[in-house]
Amino acid sequence: MNKKMKYIAIIILILFVAFAGLELKTYNYESKTPVKKLYPTPQIYQRVLVFAPHPDDETLASAGLIQDTMRYGGEVKVVIITNGDSFKRAVIENYDIPFPTPHDFLRLGYDRQKETLSALKYLGVKGKNIIFLGYPDKGLAPLWWKYWNVPYKSFGTKTAISPYDNSYTLKVEYKGENIIKDLTKIIKEYDPTLIVYPHPNELHPDHWATNSFVKYTLYLLKKENLPQFLYIVHRTDWPLPFGKHPQLNLNPPQNLLKTGTEWHLYPLAKTDIDKKGEAIMMYKTQIKVMKDFLLAFDRKTELYGFYEDGILKKYNKNRKFDDYKVIIDPEYDNFRDYENGSVDITGVYAYMQNNNLHVAIKCRQPAKPLYEYNLYGILFKGHKEITRINVKATNGKIVNRKGDVNIKNRIVHITIPINIDFDAIYLSATTTSNKYLIDKTAWRLLKKEK
């Protein structure tokens, strides 16, 4: 064997070991993941309401559940929040258009609607039970906070109102409060027995924002105790291995196993697995650009989580610091500056003392004043929003409102006066550096201890 052939053989061996290691890791993870099987009672299937941020999420997450609902004689209604129309790569590759115009993005939106209609009807969902809200793709996170009551302009279609002729509310203005109005009307009219929607630890901003909009609406309607299945579609390098592997479970991302969610695997019949795979292939515009990722969801189980509300406790000197933990955030999940532990949030702690709200943001490594540590909260009284708070702590002080901040080792302790009566707070924390988002926790509803 000559020298060149030896090099080639060594490279092939290295690649084989790498891929074998990936498969071994996958199957090892499969055998050790402590996740329960989920077998709901038939009553829960009466009226299932599925919320999807984009056309295809409903099938990736819930095609098996949808088929079971039909089998039990139940009904499924699917609400698509956006039309997924700002996906530039999909426009370029599907239509061979190097420089897409707003019209091209609109075309993608309509095509993605048709794909969802075809796939869901194939799974048994009636056309009248498929709703397109028409809100801006890549715009749900801005609508959740900054553009709550002011119009937002879509990245793709360049409009501040829905340009679609079949939106649930025609020509709806792109404001967060309008999403709440639509969701409120739909939930009231349908009166679901089960709601299926994204998990708050989703990485995609449209996904976690969909969770927040739905959770907020359920609380306003006093339906926060309604059965809820939370699904994951977007986490870093998940679900591995990509491609079609119907013999595998859809196990939860490893870094979400110990973050407060109770995960369950929902078993699928062989015929339902096959039908789910066929339905996924109907999303042709997406198959064109990420086929292996989509088919990775066609497995013998679907994944759902239960994430309970927390308690905002009163301060008690006899309690330990960990007693006030309200959010657990995964380590090494920064969006950028990955190794920087000073902006990698691992937990949030909160309590009330007199009329002061205390929130401690804990990081993986010692916090530093040069970074920005942010707190977001929505206060409720009697299931109605009464105010919002946004706290920015940087350079050792709070820069946008009254309050104090103390940085000690890994803890950023924020104290702000709350001079209004409230009984619940919806809470999240972020870190930023040079105006770039580095890390973000899930949003969690905390009910005030009485």
Protein backbone atom coordinates (compact mmCIF):
# COMPACT_ATOMS: atom_id res chain seq x y z
CA MET A 1 0.00 0.00 0.00
CA ASN A 2 1.53 3.35 -1.02
CA LYS A 3 1.69 6.40 1.20
CA LYS A 4 -1.33 8.13 -0.41
CA MET A 5 -3.54 5.07 0.07
CA LYS A 6 -2.50 4.84 3.72
CA TYR A 7 -3.61 8.44 4.30
CA ILE A 8 -6.97 7.75 2.64
CA ALA A 9 -7.47 4.62 4.74
CA ILE A 10 -6.69 6.55 7.94
CA ILE A 11 -9.18 9.30 7.02
CA ILE A 12 -11.90 6.74 6.28
CA LEU A 13 -11.23 5.03 9.61
CA ILE A 14 -11.44 8.34 11.50
CA LEU A 15 -14.75 9.20 9.83
CA PHE A 16 -16.14 5.75 10.58
CA VAL A 17 -15.20 6.00 14.26
CA ALA A 18 -16.72 9.51 14.48
CA PHE A 19 -20.06 8.43 13.01
CA ALA A 20 -20.10 5.22 15.01
CA GLY A 21 -19.47 7.27 18.13
CA LEU A 22 -22.40 9.52 17.28
CA GLU A 23 -24.70 6.53 16.80
CA LEU A 24 -23.42 4.92 20.01
CA LYS A 25 -23.98 8.17 21.90
CA THR A 26 -27.49 8.38 20.48
CA TYR A 27 -28.46 4.85 21.47
CA ASN A 28 -26.74 5.18 24.85
CA TYR A 29 -28.74 8.36 25.48
CA GLU A 30 -31.84 6.50 24.35
CA SER A 31 -31.39 3.77 26.96
CA LYS A 32 -30.58 6.08 29.87
CA THR A 33 -33.09 8.89 29.40
CA PRO A 34 -35.49 8.81 32.38
CA VAL A 35 -38.66 9.77 30.52
CA LYS A 36 -42.09 8.31 31.24
CA LYS A 37 -44.51 7.08 28.59
CA LEU A 38 -47.64 9.21 28.21
CA TYR A 39 -51.02 7.49 27.95
CA PRO A 40 -53.78 10.13 28.25
CA THR A 41 -57.37 9.25 29.10
CA PRO A 42 -59.76 9.28 26.11
CA GLN A 43 -61.63 12.29 27.55
CA ILE A 44 -58.67 14.56 26.85
CA TYR A 45 -59.05 14.00 23.10
CA GLN A 46 -62.53 15.54 22.81
CA ARG A 47 -61.41 18.96 21.54
CA VAL A 48 -57.68 19.30 20.93
CA LEU A 49 -56.30 22.75 20.08
CA VAL A 50 -52.84 22.88 18.49
CA PHE A 51 -50.88 26.13 18.15
CA ALA A 52 -48.02 26.23 15.62
CA PRO A 53 -45.68 29.20 15.08
CA HIS A 54 -45.15 28.20 11.41
CA PRO A 55 -46.74 25.87 8.87
CA ASP A 56 -45.19 22.39 9.52
CA ASP A 57 -44.64 22.70 13.30
CA GLU A 58 -48.08 21.20 13.94
CA THR A 59 -47.18 18.04 12.01
CA LEU A 60 -43.61 17.72 13.28
CA ALA A 61 -44.78 17.96 16.88
CA SER A 62 -48.22 16.37 16.91
CA ALA A 63 -49.11 14.27 13.85
CA GLY A 64 -49.37 11.16 16.03
CA LEU A 65 -51.50 12.88 18.65
CA ILE A 66 -53.74 14.28 15.91
CA GLN A 67 -54.30 10.79 14.47
CA ASP A 68 -55.11 9.38 17.91
CA THR A 69 -57.62 12.15 18.49
CA MET A 70 -59.42 11.21 15.30
CA ARG A 71 -59.30 7.55 16.31
CA TYR A 72 -61.03 8.35 19.60
CA GLY A 73 -63.73 10.33 17.81
CA GLY A 74 -62.39 13.69 18.95
CA GLU A 75 -61.88 16.94 17.07
CA VAL A 76 -58.69 18.86 16.28
CA LYS A 77 -58.38 22.56 15.56
CA VAL A 78 -55.00 23.89 14.41
CA VAL A 79 -53.99 27.55 14.64
CA ILE A 80 -50.98 28.67 12.59
CA ILE A 81 -49.64 31.93 14.04
CA THR A 82 -47.41 32.99 11.12
CA ASN A 83 -47.20 31.77 7.53
CA GLY A 84 -43.43 31.25 7.72
CA ASP A 85 -43.03 33.79 4.93
CA SER A 86 -39.73 35.43 5.95
CA PHE A 87 -37.60 32.34 5.30
CA LYS A 88 -35.24 33.88 2.74
CA ARG A 89 -33.31 30.70 1.98
CA ALA A 90 -36.56 28.86 1.21
CA VAL A 91 -37.58 31.59 -1.24
CA ILE A 92 -34.20 31.56 -2.97
CA GLU A 93 -33.95 27.77 -3.31
CA ASN A 94 -37.58 27.01 -4.13
CA TYR A 95 -38.14 29.75 -6.69
CA ASP A 96 -34.58 30.27 -7.93
CA ILE A 97 -34.78 33.95 -7.01
CA PRO A 98 -31.45 35.36 -5.73
CA PHE A 99 -32.93 38.66 -4.55
CA PRO A 100 -36.46 38.09 -3.22
CA THR A 101 -39.03 40.88 -3.20
CA PRO A 102 -41.94 41.26 -0.74
CA HIS A 103 -44.16 39.60 -3.36
CA ASP A 104 -41.87 36.54 -3.36
CA PHE A 105 -42.10 36.22 0.42
CA LEU A 106 -45.88 36.49 0.16
CA ARG A 107 -45.85 33.71 -2.43
CA LEU A 108 -43.93 31.50 0.01
CA GLY A 109 -46.50 32.22 2.71
CA TYR A 110 -49.38 31.11 0.52
CA ASP A 111 -47.48 28.00 -0.61
CA ARG A 112 -46.76 27.03 2.98
CA GLN A 113 -50.43 27.44 3.82
CA LYS A 114 -51.32 25.01 1.02
CA GLU A 115 -48.80 22.51 2.36
CA THR A 116 -50.31 22.65 5.83
CA LEU A 117 -53.83 22.24 4.43
CA SER A 118 -52.77 19.17 2.45
CA ALA A 119 -50.85 17.55 5.31
CA LEU A 120 -53.50 18.17 7.96
CA LYS A 121 -56.36 17.00 5.76
CA TYR A 122 -54.31 13.84 5.09
CA LEU A 123 -54.09 13.37 8.87
CA GLY A 124 -57.85 13.80 9.19
CA VAL A 125 -58.25 17.46 10.19
CA LYS A 126 -61.17 19.25 8.56
CA GLY A 127 -60.39 22.35 6.51
CA LYS A 128 -62.74 24.47 8.62
CA ASN A 129 -60.60 23.64 11.66
CA ILE A 130 -57.37 25.04 10.19
CA ILE A 131 -56.86 28.72 11.03
CA PHE A 132 -54.16 31.05 9.69
CA LEU A 133 -53.67 34.14 11.84
CA GLY A 134 -51.22 35.77 9.40
CA TYR A 135 -48.82 37.42 11.86
CA PRO A 136 -45.22 38.22 10.83
CA ASP A 137 -42.71 35.40 10.56
CA LYS A 138 -39.62 36.23 12.68
CA GLY A 139 -41.70 38.93 14.36
CA LEU A 140 -43.44 37.24 17.28
CA ALA A 141 -40.74 38.01 19.85
CA PRO A 142 -40.82 41.75 19.02
CA LEU A 143 -44.63 41.68 19.21
CA TRP A 144 -44.44 40.04 22.63
CA TRP A 145 -42.69 43.05 24.18
CA LYS A 146 -41.53 46.06 22.17
CA TYR A 147 -44.42 46.06 19.69
CA TRP A 148 -47.20 45.11 22.07
CA ASN A 149 -49.37 48.11 21.19
CA VAL A 150 -47.46 49.74 18.33
CA PRO A 151 -47.27 48.32 14.77
CA TYR A 152 -44.39 46.12 13.64
CA LYS A 153 -43.18 45.91 10.03
CA SER A 154 -42.62 42.42 8.65
CA PHE A 155 -39.09 41.50 7.55
CA GLY A 156 -40.34 39.65 4.47
CA THR A 157 -43.55 41.22 3.21
CA LYS A 158 -42.59 44.73 4.42
CA THR A 159 -46.09 45.42 5.73
CA ALA A 160 -47.41 46.30 9.19
CA ILE A 161 -50.76 44.60 8.54
CA SER A 162 -51.50 41.09 7.30
CA PRO A 163 -51.46 41.08 3.47
CA TYR A 164 -53.21 37.69 3.30
CA ASP A 165 -56.80 37.36 2.12
CA ASN A 166 -57.51 34.45 4.49
CA SER A 167 -56.17 35.69 7.83
CA TYR A 168 -58.41 35.00 10.82
CA THR A 169 -58.76 38.77 11.29
CA LEU A 170 -58.46 40.37 7.87
CA LYS A 171 -55.85 43.14 7.59
CA VAL A 172 -54.96 42.68 11.25
CA GLU A 173 -52.35 45.15 12.45
CA TYR A 174 -49.11 43.59 13.64
CA LYS A 175 -49.33 44.25 17.38
CA GLY A 176 -48.90 41.83 20.26
CA GLU A 177 -52.22 42.79 21.81
CA ASN A 178 -54.00 41.75 18.60
CA ILE A 179 -52.61 38.22 18.88
CA ILE A 180 -54.13 38.04 22.37
CA LYS A 181 -57.50 39.18 20.97
CA ASP A 182 -57.42 36.45 18.31
CA LEU A 183 -56.33 33.72 20.72
CA THR A 184 -58.93 34.78 23.27
CA LYS A 185 -61.73 34.51 20.73
CA ILE A 186 -60.55 31.13 19.43
CA ILE A 187 -60.13 29.56 22.87
CA LYS A 188 -63.47 30.87 24.12
CA GLU A 189 -65.36 29.60 21.07
CA TYR A 190 -63.66 26.20 20.83
CA ASP A 191 -63.51 25.43 24.57
CA PRO A 192 -60.62 22.94 24.22
CA THR A 193 -60.06 19.90 26.43
CA LEU A 194 -56.33 19.91 25.59
CA ILE A 195 -53.98 22.61 24.30
CA VAL A 196 -50.76 21.72 22.47
CA TYR A 197 -48.14 24.46 21.93
CA PRO A 198 -44.39 25.16 22.07
CA HIS A 199 -42.27 24.84 25.20
CA PRO A 200 -40.88 28.04 26.80
CA ASN A 201 -37.29 26.76 26.36
CA GLU A 202 -37.60 26.72 22.56
CA LEU A 203 -34.63 28.48 20.96
CA HIS A 204 -36.54 29.91 17.99
CA PRO A 205 -37.96 33.32 19.01
CA ASP A 206 -41.25 32.68 17.20
CA HIS A 207 -41.64 29.46 19.18
CA TRP A 208 -40.96 30.71 22.69
CA ALA A 209 -43.05 33.79 21.92
CA THR A 210 -45.94 31.57 20.83
CA ASN A 211 -45.67 29.86 24.20
CA SER A 212 -45.81 33.23 25.95
CA PHE A 213 -48.83 34.45 23.97
CA VAL A 214 -50.78 31.24 24.63
CA LYS A 215 -49.81 31.08 28.31
CA TYR A 216 -50.73 34.74 28.80
CA THR A 217 -54.13 34.20 27.15
CA LEU A 218 -54.89 31.12 29.22
CA TYR A 219 -54.16 33.06 32.39
CA LEU A 220 -56.41 35.96 31.35
CA LEU A 221 -59.20 33.45 30.70
CA LYS A 222 -58.61 31.66 34.03
CA LYS A 223 -57.82 28.50 32.09
CA GLU A 224 -54.23 28.04 33.25
CA ASN A 225 -55.14 24.64 34.73
CA LEU A 226 -56.39 23.28 31.41
CA PRO A 227 -54.40 20.19 30.25
CA GLN A 228 -51.42 21.38 28.21
CA PHE A 229 -48.83 19.45 26.19
CA LEU A 230 -45.67 21.45 25.42
CA TYR A 231 -43.50 20.45 22.48
CA ILE A 232 -39.98 21.20 21.30
CA VAL A 233 -38.93 21.72 17.68
CA HIS A 234 -35.82 23.92 17.89
CA ARG A 235 -32.87 23.23 20.19
CA THR A 236 -29.20 23.22 19.23
CA ASP A 237 -28.17 19.95 17.52
CA TRP A 238 -31.49 18.26 18.19
CA PRO A 239 -33.04 15.84 17.46
CA LEU A 240 -29.97 13.75 16.58
CA PRO A 241 -29.36 11.86 14.43
CA PHE A 242 -31.02 13.84 11.65
CA GLY A 243 -32.88 11.90 8.99
CA LYS A 244 -35.63 9.30 9.20
CA HIS A 245 -35.20 6.95 12.20
CA PRO A 246 -38.64 5.54 13.06
CA GLN A 247 -37.10 2.98 15.41
CA LEU A 248 -35.87 5.70 17.80
CA ASN A 249 -37.64 7.64 20.53
CA LEU A 250 -37.86 11.42 20.29
CA ASN A 251 -36.00 11.94 23.54
CA PRO A 252 -35.78 15.40 25.12
CA PRO A 253 -32.64 17.51 24.64
CA GLN A 254 -30.17 16.43 27.32
CA ASN A 255 -29.67 19.94 28.70
CA LEU A 256 -33.42 20.26 29.33
CA LEU A 257 -33.74 17.09 31.41
CA LYS A 258 -33.26 18.85 34.75
CA THR A 259 -34.77 22.28 34.17
CA GLY A 260 -38.15 21.83 35.80
CA THR A 261 -40.08 20.16 32.97
CA GLU A 262 -41.66 16.74 33.37
CA TRP A 263 -41.05 15.08 30.00
CA HIS A 264 -43.18 12.31 28.50
CA LEU A 265 -42.87 10.14 25.41
CA TYR A 266 -46.11 9.69 23.49
CA PRO A 267 -46.11 6.29 21.68
CA LEU A 268 -47.20 6.08 18.04
CA ALA A 269 -48.62 3.07 16.21
CA LYS A 270 -46.61 1.81 13.23
CA THR A 271 -49.27 3.02 10.78
CA ASP A 272 -49.27 6.47 12.42
CA ILE A 273 -45.48 6.71 12.15
CA ASP A 274 -45.70 5.93 8.43
CA LYS A 275 -48.50 8.42 7.89
CA LYS A 276 -46.64 11.12 9.81
CA GLY A 277 -43.62 10.64 7.55
CA GLU A 278 -45.82 10.94 4.47
CA ALA A 279 -47.42 14.11 5.86
CA ILE A 280 -44.01 15.66 6.56
CA MET A 281 -43.02 15.09 2.93
CA MET A 282 -45.98 17.25 1.86
CA TYR A 283 -44.18 20.37 3.12
CA LYS A 284 -42.26 20.59 -0.14
CA THR A 285 -40.87 24.10 0.29
CA GLN A 286 -39.28 23.03 3.57
CA ILE A 287 -38.19 19.57 2.41
CA LYS A 288 -36.23 21.41 -0.27
CA VAL A 289 -34.07 23.17 2.34
CA MET A 290 -34.03 20.94 5.47
CA LYS A 291 -35.35 17.47 4.69
CA ASP A 292 -33.20 15.55 7.18
CA PHE A 293 -34.14 17.86 10.04
CA LEU A 294 -37.86 17.50 9.36
CA LEU A 295 -37.74 13.71 9.00
CA ALA A 296 -35.91 13.42 12.33
CA PHE A 297 -39.31 13.99 13.97
CA ASP A 298 -40.81 10.89 12.36
CA ARG A 299 -40.09 8.49 15.21
CA LYS A 300 -41.91 5.92 17.30
CA THR A 301 -42.75 8.54 19.94
CA GLU A 302 -43.59 12.23 20.15
CA LEU A 303 -42.26 14.38 22.97
CA TYR A 304 -44.39 16.47 25.32
CA GLY A 305 -43.55 18.30 28.51
CA PHE A 306 -45.46 19.59 31.52
CA TYR A 307 -44.12 22.85 32.96
CA GLU A 308 -45.96 23.93 36.10
CA ASP A 309 -46.38 27.47 37.36
CA GLY A 310 -44.13 28.56 40.22
CA ILE A 311 -44.59 30.45 43.47
CA LEU A 312 -43.27 33.91 44.29
CA LYS A 313 -42.54 33.38 47.97
CA LYS A 314 -42.31 35.86 50.80
CA TYR A 315 -38.91 36.29 52.36
CA ASN A 316 -38.34 34.16 55.44
CA LYS A 317 -35.00 34.14 57.23
CA ASN A 318 -35.38 30.42 57.90
CA ARG A 319 -35.54 29.60 54.20
CA LYS A 320 -32.48 28.66 52.18
CA PHE A 321 -31.49 30.59 49.07
CA ASP A 322 -32.42 27.63 46.85
CA ASP A 323 -35.96 27.74 48.25
CA TYR A 324 -36.49 30.87 46.14
CA LYS A 325 -35.39 29.30 42.85
CA VAL A 326 -38.09 29.90 40.23
CA ILE A 327 -36.33 29.24 36.89
CA ILE A 328 -33.64 26.70 36.02
CA ASP A 329 -31.75 27.53 32.83
CA PRO A 330 -29.44 25.11 30.94
CA GLU A 331 -25.71 25.70 31.05
CA TYR A 332 -23.67 26.32 27.89
CA ASP A 333 -26.69 27.52 25.92
CA ASN A 334 -25.53 31.02 24.97
CA PHE A 335 -26.67 32.26 21.57
CA ARG A 336 -23.18 33.70 21.03
CA ASP A 337 -19.97 34.09 23.07
CA TYR A 338 -20.57 30.44 23.93
CA GLU A 339 -17.79 29.90 26.49
CA ASN A 340 -18.47 33.11 28.44
CA GLY A 341 -19.89 31.88 31.74
CA SER A 342 -20.36 35.41 33.09
CA VAL A 343 -23.39 35.83 30.82
CA ASP A 344 -24.57 32.20 30.88
CA ILE A 345 -27.61 32.17 33.17
CA THR A 346 -28.10 28.98 35.20
CA GLY A 347 -30.96 30.05 37.46
CA VAL A 348 -33.29 32.81 38.60
CA TYR A 349 -34.37 33.29 42.22
CA ALA A 350 -37.19 35.58 43.35
CA TYR A 351 -39.00 36.61 46.52
CA MET A 352 -40.98 39.50 48.01
CA GLN A 353 -39.79 41.37 51.10
CA ASN A 354 -42.06 44.16 52.28
CA ASN A 355 -42.91 46.01 49.04
CA ASN A 356 -39.69 45.08 47.27
CA LEU A 357 -39.25 42.47 44.57
CA HIS A 358 -35.91 40.68 44.86
CA VAL A 359 -34.63 38.81 41.82
CA ALA A 360 -31.23 37.10 41.71
CA ILE A 361 -29.78 36.06 38.36
CA LYS A 362 -27.17 33.32 38.82
CA CYS A 363 -24.51 32.74 36.16
CA ARG A 364 -22.17 29.84 35.41
CA GLN A 365 -19.12 31.97 36.23
CA PRO A 366 -18.67 35.21 38.23
CA ALA A 367 -20.87 38.00 36.86
CA LYS A 368 -19.20 41.18 35.61
CA PRO A 369 -20.53 44.77 35.70
CA LEU A 370 -19.59 45.44 32.08
CA TYR A 371 -22.39 43.14 30.86
CA GLU A 372 -26.10 43.91 30.92
CA TYR A 373 -28.38 41.76 33.07
CA ASN A 374 -32.04 42.23 32.22
CA LEU A 375 -35.26 41.36 33.99
CA TYR A 376 -38.68 41.32 32.31
CA GLY A 377 -41.94 40.94 34.19
CA ILE A 378 -45.68 41.27 33.65
CA LEU A 379 -47.73 41.86 36.80
CA PHE A 380 -51.31 40.62 37.13
CA LYS A 381 -54.15 41.31 39.53
CA GLY A 382 -57.32 39.25 39.29
CA HIS A 383 -56.12 37.63 36.03
CA LYS A 384 -55.68 41.04 34.37
CA GLU A 385 -52.40 42.67 33.39
CA ILE A 386 -51.77 45.79 35.46
CA THR A 387 -48.23 46.76 34.48
CA ARG A 388 -44.93 45.63 32.97
CA ILE A 389 -41.44 45.98 34.35
CA ASN A 390 -38.11 46.00 32.55
CA VAL A 391 -34.92 46.27 34.58
CA LYS A 392 -31.50 46.81 33.01
CA ALA A 393 -28.54 46.38 35.33
CA THR A 394 -25.09 47.30 34.03
CA ASN A 395 -21.95 48.93 35.38
CA GLY A 396 -23.10 48.13 38.89
CA LYS A 397 -26.38 50.05 38.72
CA ILE A 398 -29.91 49.96 37.36
CA VAL A 399 -30.03 52.38 34.46
CA ASN A 400 -33.71 52.58 33.52
CA ARG A 401 -35.73 52.73 36.75
CA LYS A 402 -35.51 52.95 40.54
CA GLY A 403 -33.86 50.06 42.31
CA ASP A 404 -30.58 48.58 43.44
CA VAL A 405 -28.23 45.94 42.12
CA ASN A 406 -25.51 44.03 43.92
CA ILE A 407 -23.06 41.77 42.09
CA LYS A 408 -21.33 39.15 44.21
CA ASN A 409 -19.48 36.26 42.63
CA ARG A 410 -21.98 34.49 40.32
CA ILE A 411 -25.06 36.37 41.56
CA VAL A 412 -26.61 39.57 40.20
CA HIS A 413 -29.10 40.57 42.93
CA ILE A 414 -31.71 43.08 41.74
CA THR A 415 -34.09 44.85 44.12
CA ILE A 416 -36.92 47.05 42.87
CA PRO A 417 -39.85 48.65 44.72
CA ILE A 418 -43.31 47.39 43.75
CA ASN A 419 -45.89 49.83 45.08
CA ILE A 420 -48.99 48.26 43.54
CA ASP A 421 -50.96 45.24 44.65
CA PHE A 422 -50.51 42.18 42.42
CA ASP A 423 -51.08 38.46 42.75
CA ALA A 424 -48.96 36.98 39.93
CA ILE A 425 -45.94 37.83 37.82
CA TYR A 426 -44.81 36.42 34.47
CA LEU A 427 -41.00 36.50 34.58
CA SER A 428 -37.92 36.06 32.39
CA ALA A 429 -34.27 37.17 32.43
CA THR A 430 -31.67 37.81 29.73
CA THR A 431 -28.04 38.83 29.38
CA THR A 432 -26.65 41.08 26.66
CA SER A 433 -23.24 42.31 25.56
CA ASN A 434 -22.77 45.25 23.20
CA LYS A 435 -26.54 45.17 22.58
CA TYR A 436 -26.40 41.52 21.45
CA LEU A 437 -28.55 38.95 23.22
CA ILE A 438 -26.33 36.31 24.82
CA ASP A 439 -28.62 34.17 26.97
CA LYS A 440 -32.32 34.04 27.78
CA THR A 441 -34.37 32.05 30.26
CA ALA A 442 -37.81 30.61 29.77
CA TRP A 443 -40.76 32.75 30.80
CA ARG A 444 -42.47 31.40 33.92
CA LEU A 445 -45.69 32.39 35.64
CA LEU A 446 -45.29 32.84 39.41
CA LYS A 447 -48.28 33.10 41.69
CA LYS A 448 -47.69 35.26 44.74
CA GLU A 449 -47.57 33.43 48.07
CA LYS A 450 -50.46 34.48 50.30
